[in-house]
């Protein structure tokens, strides 16, 4: 089972986990955590450059999981293995 943690750092505070992405045995993606972070990840679409289309976690969970990290990464937010 694959699990990723969405981590955030605000100002000088230590980083904290605000949401967790879990891939189920059937390949489905489940997101748990703070409501705004769950909403943010759950509705996030990633750009599949090879086919020039935007993909949601429901349309193609495997591709979404592969690309989501690079789409949400900022100096203050990132995904890492949980």
PDB file of N, CA and C in Angstrom:
ATOM      1  N   UNK A   1       0.848  -1.176   0.000  1.00  0.00           N
ATOM      2  CA  UNK A   1       0.000   0.000   0.000  1.00  0.00           C
ATOM      3  C   UNK A   1       0.891   1.236   0.000  1.00  0.00           C
ATOM      4  N   UNK A   2       0.565   2.199  -0.827  1.00  0.00           N
ATOM      5  CA  UNK A   2       1.306   3.447  -0.918  1.00  0.00           C
ATOM      6  C   UNK A   2       0.623   4.511  -0.077  1.00  0.00           C
ATOM      7  N   UNK A   3       1.427   5.251   0.690  1.00  0.00           N
ATOM      8  CA  UNK A   3       0.902   6.369   1.485  1.00  0.00           C
ATOM      9  C   UNK A   3       1.836   7.556   1.325  1.00  0.00           C
ATOM     10  N   UNK A   4       1.230   8.709   1.113  1.00  0.00           N
ATOM     11  CA  UNK A   4       1.980   9.959   1.027  1.00  0.00           C
ATOM     12  C   UNK A   4       1.408  10.940   2.026  1.00  0.00           C
ATOM     13  N   UNK A   5       2.270  11.770   2.583  1.00  0.00           N
ATOM     14  CA  UNK A   5       1.842  12.801   3.521  1.00  0.00           C
ATOM     15  C   UNK A   5       2.028  14.166   2.875  1.00  0.00           C
ATOM     16  N   UNK A   6       0.990  14.981   2.903  1.00  0.00           N
ATOM     17  CA  UNK A   6       1.103  16.368   2.472  1.00  0.00           C
ATOM     18  C   UNK A   6       1.596  17.145   3.681  1.00  0.00           C
ATOM     19  N   UNK A   7       2.786  17.712   3.567  1.00  0.00           N
ATOM     20  CA  UNK A   7       3.411  18.422   4.674  1.00  0.00           C
ATOM     21  C   UNK A   7       3.428  19.915   4.364  1.00  0.00           C
ATOM     22  N   UNK A   8       3.253  20.730   5.405  1.00  0.00           N
ATOM     23  CA  UNK A   8       3.304  22.175   5.268  1.00  0.00           C
ATOM     24  C   UNK A   8       4.155  22.772   6.372  1.00  0.00           C
ATOM     25  N   UNK A   9       4.804  23.868   6.025  1.00  0.00           N
ATOM     26  CA  UNK A   9       5.587  24.603   7.021  1.00  0.00           C
ATOM     27  C   UNK A   9       5.121  26.053   6.941  1.00  0.00           C
ATOM     28  N   UNK A  10       4.695  26.594   8.074  1.00  0.00           N
ATOM     29  CA  UNK A  10       4.274  27.986   8.153  1.00  0.00           C
ATOM     30  C   UNK A  10       5.308  28.772   8.950  1.00  0.00           C
ATOM     31  N   UNK A  11       5.836  29.794   8.315  1.00  0.00           N
ATOM     32  CA  UNK A  11       6.831  30.671   8.942  1.00  0.00           C
ATOM     33  C   UNK A  11       7.983  29.837   9.499  1.00  0.00           C
ATOM     34  N   UNK A  12       8.310  30.037  10.749  1.00  0.00           N
ATOM     35  CA  UNK A  12       9.424  29.322  11.375  1.00  0.00           C
ATOM     36  C   UNK A  12       8.976  28.077  12.146  1.00  0.00           C
ATOM     37  N   UNK A  13       7.712  27.754  12.054  1.00  0.00           N
ATOM     38  CA  UNK A  13       7.206  26.563  12.747  1.00  0.00           C
ATOM     39  C   UNK A  13       7.723  25.296  12.092  1.00  0.00           C
ATOM     40  N   UNK A  14       7.801  24.213  12.857  1.00  0.00           N
ATOM     41  CA  UNK A  14       8.231  22.940  12.244  1.00  0.00           C
ATOM     42  C   UNK A  14       7.164  22.430  11.266  1.00  0.00           C
ATOM     43  N   UNK A  15       7.576  21.676  10.241  1.00  0.00           N
ATOM     44  CA  UNK A  15       6.614  21.123   9.279  1.00  0.00           C
ATOM     45  C   UNK A  15       5.602  20.213   9.980  1.00  0.00           C
ATOM     46  N   UNK A  16       4.400  20.162   9.419  1.00  0.00           N
ATOM     47  CA  UNK A  16       3.375  19.271   9.962  1.00  0.00           C
ATOM     48  C   UNK A  16       2.615  18.625   8.813  1.00  0.00           C
ATOM     49  N   UNK A  17       2.057  17.453   9.090  1.00  0.00           N
ATOM     50  CA  UNK A  17       1.250  16.735   8.104  1.00  0.00           C
ATOM     51  C   UNK A  17      -0.171  17.275   8.163  1.00  0.00           C
ATOM     52  N   UNK A  18      -0.694  17.698   7.016  1.00  0.00           N
ATOM     53  CA  UNK A  18      -2.049  18.239   6.969  1.00  0.00           C
ATOM     54  C   UNK A  18      -3.017  17.307   6.253  1.00  0.00           C
ATOM     55  N   UNK A  19      -2.487  16.343   5.489  1.00  0.00           N
ATOM     56  CA  UNK A  19      -3.338  15.357   4.811  1.00  0.00           C
ATOM     57  C   UNK A  19      -2.500  14.131   4.456  1.00  0.00           C
ATOM     58  N   UNK A  20      -3.190  13.012   4.296  1.00  0.00           N
ATOM     59  CA  UNK A  20      -2.538  11.763   3.917  1.00  0.00           C
ATOM     60  C   UNK A  20      -3.265  11.175   2.712  1.00  0.00           C
ATOM     61  N   UNK A  21      -2.486  10.795   1.711  1.00  0.00           N
ATOM     62  CA  UNK A  21      -3.015  10.149   0.504  1.00  0.00           C
ATOM     63  C   UNK A  21      -2.694   8.664   0.615  1.00  0.00           C
ATOM     64  N   UNK A  22      -3.715   7.825   0.515  1.00  0.00           N
ATOM     65  CA  UNK A  22      -3.527   6.378   0.601  1.00  0.00           C
ATOM     66  C   UNK A  22      -4.085   5.729  -0.658  1.00  0.00           C
ATOM     67  N   UNK A  23      -3.301   4.824  -1.225  1.00  0.00           N
ATOM     68  CA  UNK A  23      -3.761   4.068  -2.393  1.00  0.00           C
ATOM     69  C   UNK A  23      -4.253   2.720  -1.900  1.00  0.00           C
ATOM     70  N   UNK A  24      -5.514   2.436  -2.178  1.00  0.00           N
ATOM     71  CA  UNK A  24      -6.109   1.171  -1.746  1.00  0.00           C
ATOM     72  C   UNK A  24      -5.649   0.011  -2.614  1.00  0.00           C
ATOM     73  N   UNK A  25      -5.963  -1.182  -2.167  1.00  0.00           N
ATOM     74  CA  UNK A  25      -5.583  -2.393  -2.910  1.00  0.00           C
ATOM     75  C   UNK A  25      -6.210  -2.428  -4.301  1.00  0.00           C
ATOM     76  N   UNK A  26      -7.357  -1.782  -4.451  1.00  0.00           N
ATOM     77  CA  UNK A  26      -8.025  -1.748  -5.754  1.00  0.00           C
ATOM     78  C   UNK A  26      -7.532  -0.596  -6.632  1.00  0.00           C
ATOM     79  N   UNK A  27      -6.553   0.183  -6.134  1.00  0.00           N
ATOM     80  CA  UNK A  27      -5.992   1.294  -6.900  1.00  0.00           C
ATOM     81  C   UNK A  27      -6.673   2.619  -6.656  1.00  0.00           C
ATOM     82  N   UNK A  28      -7.746   2.606  -5.859  1.00  0.00           N
ATOM     83  CA  UNK A  28      -8.445   3.861  -5.577  1.00  0.00           C
ATOM     84  C   UNK A  28      -7.611   4.713  -4.615  1.00  0.00           C
ATOM     85  N   UNK A  29      -7.867   6.007  -4.629  1.00  0.00           N
ATOM     86  CA  UNK A  29      -7.127   6.940  -3.787  1.00  0.00           C
ATOM     87  C   UNK A  29      -8.056   7.514  -2.740  1.00  0.00           C
ATOM     88  N   UNK A  30      -7.596   7.476  -1.503  1.00  0.00           N
ATOM     89  CA  UNK A  30      -8.343   8.019  -0.378  1.00  0.00           C
ATOM     90  C   UNK A  30      -7.495   9.117   0.254  1.00  0.00           C
ATOM     91  N   UNK A  31      -8.135  10.234   0.588  1.00  0.00           N
ATOM     92  CA  UNK A  31      -7.426  11.361   1.188  1.00  0.00           C
ATOM     93  C   UNK A  31      -8.070  11.692   2.521  1.00  0.00           C
ATOM     94  N   UNK A  32      -7.251  11.735   3.572  1.00  0.00           N
ATOM     95  CA  UNK A  32      -7.723  12.058   4.916  1.00  0.00           C
ATOM     96  C   UNK A  32      -6.889  13.201   5.469  1.00  0.00           C
ATOM     97  N   UNK A  33      -7.476  13.944   6.405  1.00  0.00           N
ATOM     98  CA  UNK A  33      -6.724  15.008   7.057  1.00  0.00           C
ATOM     99  C   UNK A  33      -7.594  16.218   7.312  1.00  0.00           C
ATOM    100  N   UNK A  34      -6.953  17.388   7.358  1.00  0.00           N
ATOM    101  CA  UNK A  34      -7.669  18.636   7.584  1.00  0.00           C
ATOM    102  C   UNK A  34      -8.583  18.907   6.393  1.00  0.00           C
ATOM    103  N   UNK A  35      -9.812  19.359   6.649  1.00  0.00           N
ATOM    104  CA  UNK A  35     -10.790  19.528   5.570  1.00  0.00           C
ATOM    105  C   UNK A  35     -10.300  20.364   4.380  1.00  0.00           C
ATOM    106  N   UNK A  36      -9.633  21.486   4.609  1.00  0.00           N
ATOM    107  CA  UNK A  36      -9.195  22.311   3.480  1.00  0.00           C
ATOM    108  C   UNK A  36      -8.107  21.607   2.664  1.00  0.00           C
ATOM    109  N   UNK A  37      -7.252  20.867   3.326  1.00  0.00           N
ATOM    110  CA  UNK A  37      -6.196  20.138   2.614  1.00  0.00           C
ATOM    111  C   UNK A  37      -6.762  18.950   1.848  1.00  0.00           C
ATOM    112  N   UNK A  38      -7.734  18.272   2.433  1.00  0.00           N
ATOM    113  CA  UNK A  38      -8.411  17.160   1.750  1.00  0.00           C
ATOM    114  C   UNK A  38      -9.119  17.686   0.503  1.00  0.00           C
ATOM    115  N   UNK A  39      -9.803  18.802   0.643  1.00  0.00           N
ATOM    116  CA  UNK A  39     -10.484  19.438  -0.478  1.00  0.00           C
ATOM    117  C   UNK A  39      -9.489  19.846  -1.563  1.00  0.00           C
ATOM    118  N   UNK A  40      -8.390  20.445  -1.140  1.00  0.00           N
ATOM    119  CA  UNK A  40      -7.341  20.890  -2.064  1.00  0.00           C
ATOM    120  C   UNK A  40      -6.822  19.722  -2.896  1.00  0.00           C
ATOM    121  N   UNK A  41      -6.418  18.638  -2.247  1.00  0.00           N
ATOM    122  CA  UNK A  41      -5.885  17.485  -2.966  1.00  0.00           C
ATOM    123  C   UNK A  41      -6.959  16.758  -3.755  1.00  0.00           C
ATOM    124  N   UNK A  42      -8.128  16.606  -3.162  1.00  0.00           N
ATOM    125  CA  UNK A  42      -9.206  15.843  -3.795  1.00  0.00           C
ATOM    126  C   UNK A  42      -9.693  16.434  -5.102  1.00  0.00           C
ATOM    127  N   UNK A  43      -9.637  17.753  -5.219  1.00  0.00           N
ATOM    128  CA  UNK A  43     -10.125  18.393  -6.440  1.00  0.00           C
ATOM    129  C   UNK A  43      -8.987  18.806  -7.371  1.00  0.00           C
ATOM    130  N   UNK A  44      -7.756  18.483  -7.009  1.00  0.00           N
ATOM    131  CA  UNK A  44      -6.597  18.887  -7.789  1.00  0.00           C
ATOM    132  C   UNK A  44      -6.463  18.025  -9.038  1.00  0.00           C
ATOM    133  N   UNK A  45      -6.270  18.662 -10.166  1.00  0.00           N
ATOM    134  CA  UNK A  45      -6.047  17.953 -11.428  1.00  0.00           C
ATOM    135  C   UNK A  45      -4.595  18.168 -11.820  1.00  0.00           C
ATOM    136  N   UNK A  46      -3.979  17.149 -12.390  1.00  0.00           N
ATOM    137  CA  UNK A  46      -2.579  17.223 -12.811  1.00  0.00           C
ATOM    138  C   UNK A  46      -2.501  17.241 -14.327  1.00  0.00           C
ATOM    139  N   UNK A  47      -1.450  17.864 -14.845  1.00  0.00           N
ATOM    140  CA  UNK A  47      -1.274  17.937 -16.296  1.00  0.00           C
ATOM    141  C   UNK A  47      -0.438  16.760 -16.776  1.00  0.00           C
ATOM    142  N   UNK A  48      -1.047  15.955 -17.636  1.00  0.00           N
ATOM    143  CA  UNK A  48      -0.340  14.867 -18.303  1.00  0.00           C
ATOM    144  C   UNK A  48       0.218  15.461 -19.590  1.00  0.00           C
ATOM    145  N   UNK A  49       1.489  15.833 -19.566  1.00  0.00           N
ATOM    146  CA  UNK A  49       2.099  16.512 -20.716  1.00  0.00           C
ATOM    147  C   UNK A  49       2.148  15.633 -21.962  1.00  0.00           C
ATOM    148  N   UNK A  50       2.257  14.321 -21.771  1.00  0.00           N
ATOM    149  CA  UNK A  50       2.354  13.424 -22.930  1.00  0.00           C
ATOM    150  C   UNK A  50       1.094  13.452 -23.794  1.00  0.00           C
ATOM    151  N   UNK A  51      -0.062  13.678 -23.164  1.00  0.00           N
ATOM    152  CA  UNK A  51      -1.299  13.746 -23.945  1.00  0.00           C
ATOM    153  C   UNK A  51      -1.948  15.122 -23.876  1.00  0.00           C
ATOM    154  N   UNK A  52      -1.245  16.076 -23.224  1.00  0.00           N
ATOM    155  CA  UNK A  52      -1.721  17.455 -23.103  1.00  0.00           C
ATOM    156  C   UNK A  52      -3.164  17.520 -22.585  1.00  0.00           C
ATOM    157  N   UNK A  53      -3.378  16.843 -21.449  1.00  0.00           N
ATOM    158  CA  UNK A  53      -4.709  16.879 -20.834  1.00  0.00           C
ATOM    159  C   UNK A  53      -4.576  16.905 -19.321  1.00  0.00           C
ATOM    160  N   UNK A  54      -5.597  17.416 -18.679  1.00  0.00           N
ATOM    161  CA  UNK A  54      -5.640  17.474 -17.222  1.00  0.00           C
ATOM    162  C   UNK A  54      -6.360  16.240 -16.706  1.00  0.00           C
ATOM    163  N   UNK A  55      -5.845  15.639 -15.639  1.00  0.00           N
ATOM    164  CA  UNK A  55      -6.364  14.371 -15.129  1.00  0.00           C
ATOM    165  C   UNK A  55      -6.664  14.501 -13.633  1.00  0.00           C
ATOM    166  N   UNK A  56      -7.802  13.986 -13.210  1.00  0.00           N
ATOM    167  CA  UNK A  56      -8.163  13.969 -11.783  1.00  0.00           C
ATOM    168  C   UNK A  56      -7.783  12.619 -11.187  1.00  0.00           C
ATOM    169  N   UNK A  57      -7.842  12.541  -9.871  1.00  0.00           N
ATOM    170  CA  UNK A  57      -7.517  11.284  -9.181  1.00  0.00           C
ATOM    171  C   UNK A  57      -8.546  10.197  -9.513  1.00  0.00           C
ATOM    172  N   UNK A  58      -9.753  10.594  -9.855  1.00  0.00           N
ATOM    173  CA  UNK A  58     -10.791   9.616 -10.188  1.00  0.00           C
ATOM    174  C   UNK A  58     -10.657   9.100 -11.621  1.00  0.00           C
ATOM    175  N   UNK A  59     -10.180   9.944 -12.526  1.00  0.00           N
ATOM    176  CA  UNK A  59     -10.042   9.551 -13.934  1.00  0.00           C
ATOM    177  C   UNK A  59      -8.889   8.574 -14.144  1.00  0.00           C
ATOM    178  N   UNK A  60      -7.743   8.847 -13.484  1.00  0.00           N
ATOM    179  CA  UNK A  60      -6.568   8.004 -13.669  1.00  0.00           C
ATOM    180  C   UNK A  60      -5.731   8.061 -12.384  1.00  0.00           C
ATOM    181  N   UNK A  61      -6.113   7.276 -11.373  1.00  0.00           N
ATOM    182  CA  UNK A  61      -5.443   7.347 -10.069  1.00  0.00           C
ATOM    183  C   UNK A  61      -3.927   7.123 -10.133  1.00  0.00           C
ATOM    184  N   UNK A  62      -3.482   6.201 -10.954  1.00  0.00           N
ATOM    185  CA  UNK A  62      -2.052   5.899 -11.029  1.00  0.00           C
ATOM    186  C   UNK A  62      -1.256   7.087 -11.577  1.00  0.00           C
ATOM    187  N   UNK A  63      -1.742   7.679 -12.642  1.00  0.00           N
ATOM    188  CA  UNK A  63      -1.072   8.836 -13.230  1.00  0.00           C
ATOM    189  C   UNK A  63      -1.146  10.035 -12.287  1.00  0.00           C
ATOM    190  N   UNK A  64      -2.299  10.252 -11.681  1.00  0.00           N
ATOM    191  CA  UNK A  64      -2.468  11.357 -10.728  1.00  0.00           C
ATOM    192  C   UNK A  64      -1.448  11.239  -9.600  1.00  0.00           C
ATOM    193  N   UNK A  65      -1.316  10.045  -9.068  1.00  0.00           N
ATOM    194  CA  UNK A  65      -0.378   9.814  -7.970  1.00  0.00           C
ATOM    195  C   UNK A  65       1.064  10.069  -8.418  1.00  0.00           C
ATOM    196  N   UNK A  66       1.377   9.674  -9.626  1.00  0.00           N
ATOM    197  CA  UNK A  66       2.727   9.866 -10.160  1.00  0.00           C
ATOM    198  C   UNK A  66       3.071  11.350 -10.313  1.00  0.00           C
ATOM    199  N   UNK A  67       2.082  12.173 -10.708  1.00  0.00           N
ATOM    200  CA  UNK A  67       2.346  13.570 -11.031  1.00  0.00           C
ATOM    201  C   UNK A  67       2.001  14.579  -9.939  1.00  0.00           C
ATOM    202  N   UNK A  68       1.196  14.196  -8.967  1.00  0.00           N
ATOM    203  CA  UNK A  68       0.694  15.167  -7.991  1.00  0.00           C
ATOM    204  C   UNK A  68       1.817  15.858  -7.212  1.00  0.00           C
ATOM    205  N   UNK A  69       2.869  15.143  -6.889  1.00  0.00           N
ATOM    206  CA  UNK A  69       3.954  15.730  -6.094  1.00  0.00           C
ATOM    207  C   UNK A  69       4.571  16.955  -6.727  1.00  0.00           C
ATOM    208  N   UNK A  70       4.823  16.899  -8.024  1.00  0.00           N
ATOM    209  CA  UNK A  70       5.435  18.040  -8.703  1.00  0.00           C
ATOM    210  C   UNK A  70       4.454  19.197  -8.873  1.00  0.00           C
ATOM    211  N   UNK A  71       3.156  18.915  -8.852  1.00  0.00           N
ATOM    212  CA  UNK A  71       2.162  19.965  -9.025  1.00  0.00           C
ATOM    213  C   UNK A  71       1.889  20.745  -7.745  1.00  0.00           C
ATOM    214  N   UNK A  72       1.999  20.113  -6.603  1.00  0.00           N
ATOM    215  CA  UNK A  72       1.680  20.809  -5.342  1.00  0.00           C
ATOM    216  C   UNK A  72       2.920  21.349  -4.631  1.00  0.00           C
ATOM    217  N   UNK A  73       4.099  20.986  -5.102  1.00  0.00           N
ATOM    218  CA  UNK A  73       5.337  21.369  -4.412  1.00  0.00           C
ATOM    219  C   UNK A  73       5.571  22.880  -4.477  1.00  0.00           C
ATOM    220  N   UNK A  74       5.778  23.448  -3.307  1.00  0.00           N
ATOM    221  CA  UNK A  74       6.203  24.838  -3.141  1.00  0.00           C
ATOM    222  C   UNK A  74       7.262  24.815  -2.044  1.00  0.00           C
ATOM    223  N   UNK A  75       7.903  25.945  -1.758  1.00  0.00           N
ATOM    224  CA  UNK A  75       8.857  25.944  -0.637  1.00  0.00           C
ATOM    225  C   UNK A  75       8.193  25.628   0.707  1.00  0.00           C
ATOM    226  N   UNK A  76       6.873  25.765   0.781  1.00  0.00           N
ATOM    227  CA  UNK A  76       6.169  25.591   2.051  1.00  0.00           C
ATOM    228  C   UNK A  76       5.203  24.409   2.069  1.00  0.00           C
ATOM    229  N   UNK A  77       5.094  23.681   0.940  1.00  0.00           N
ATOM    230  CA  UNK A  77       4.185  22.527   0.869  1.00  0.00           C
ATOM    231  C   UNK A  77       4.825  21.466  -0.012  1.00  0.00           C
ATOM    232  N   UNK A  78       4.720  20.206   0.393  1.00  0.00           N
ATOM    233  CA  UNK A  78       5.274  19.110  -0.391  1.00  0.00           C
ATOM    234  C   UNK A  78       4.641  17.791   0.030  1.00  0.00           C
ATOM    235  N   UNK A  79       4.766  16.785  -0.830  1.00  0.00           N
ATOM    236  CA  UNK A  79       4.349  15.416  -0.521  1.00  0.00           C
ATOM    237  C   UNK A  79       5.584  14.584  -0.277  1.00  0.00           C
ATOM    238  N   UNK A  80       5.498  13.703   0.713  1.00  0.00           N
ATOM    239  CA  UNK A  80       6.602  12.782   1.010  1.00  0.00           C
ATOM    240  C   UNK A  80       6.016  11.449   1.435  1.00  0.00           C
ATOM    241  N   UNK A  81       6.774  10.371   1.311  1.00  0.00           N
ATOM    242  CA  UNK A  81       6.282   9.058   1.750  1.00  0.00           C
ATOM    243  C   UNK A  81       5.896   9.100   3.231  1.00  0.00           C
ATOM    244  N   UNK A  82       4.807   8.445   3.547  1.00  0.00           N
ATOM    245  CA  UNK A  82       4.332   8.429   4.946  1.00  0.00           C
ATOM    246  C   UNK A  82       4.590   7.078   5.570  1.00  0.00           C
TER     247      UNK A  82
END
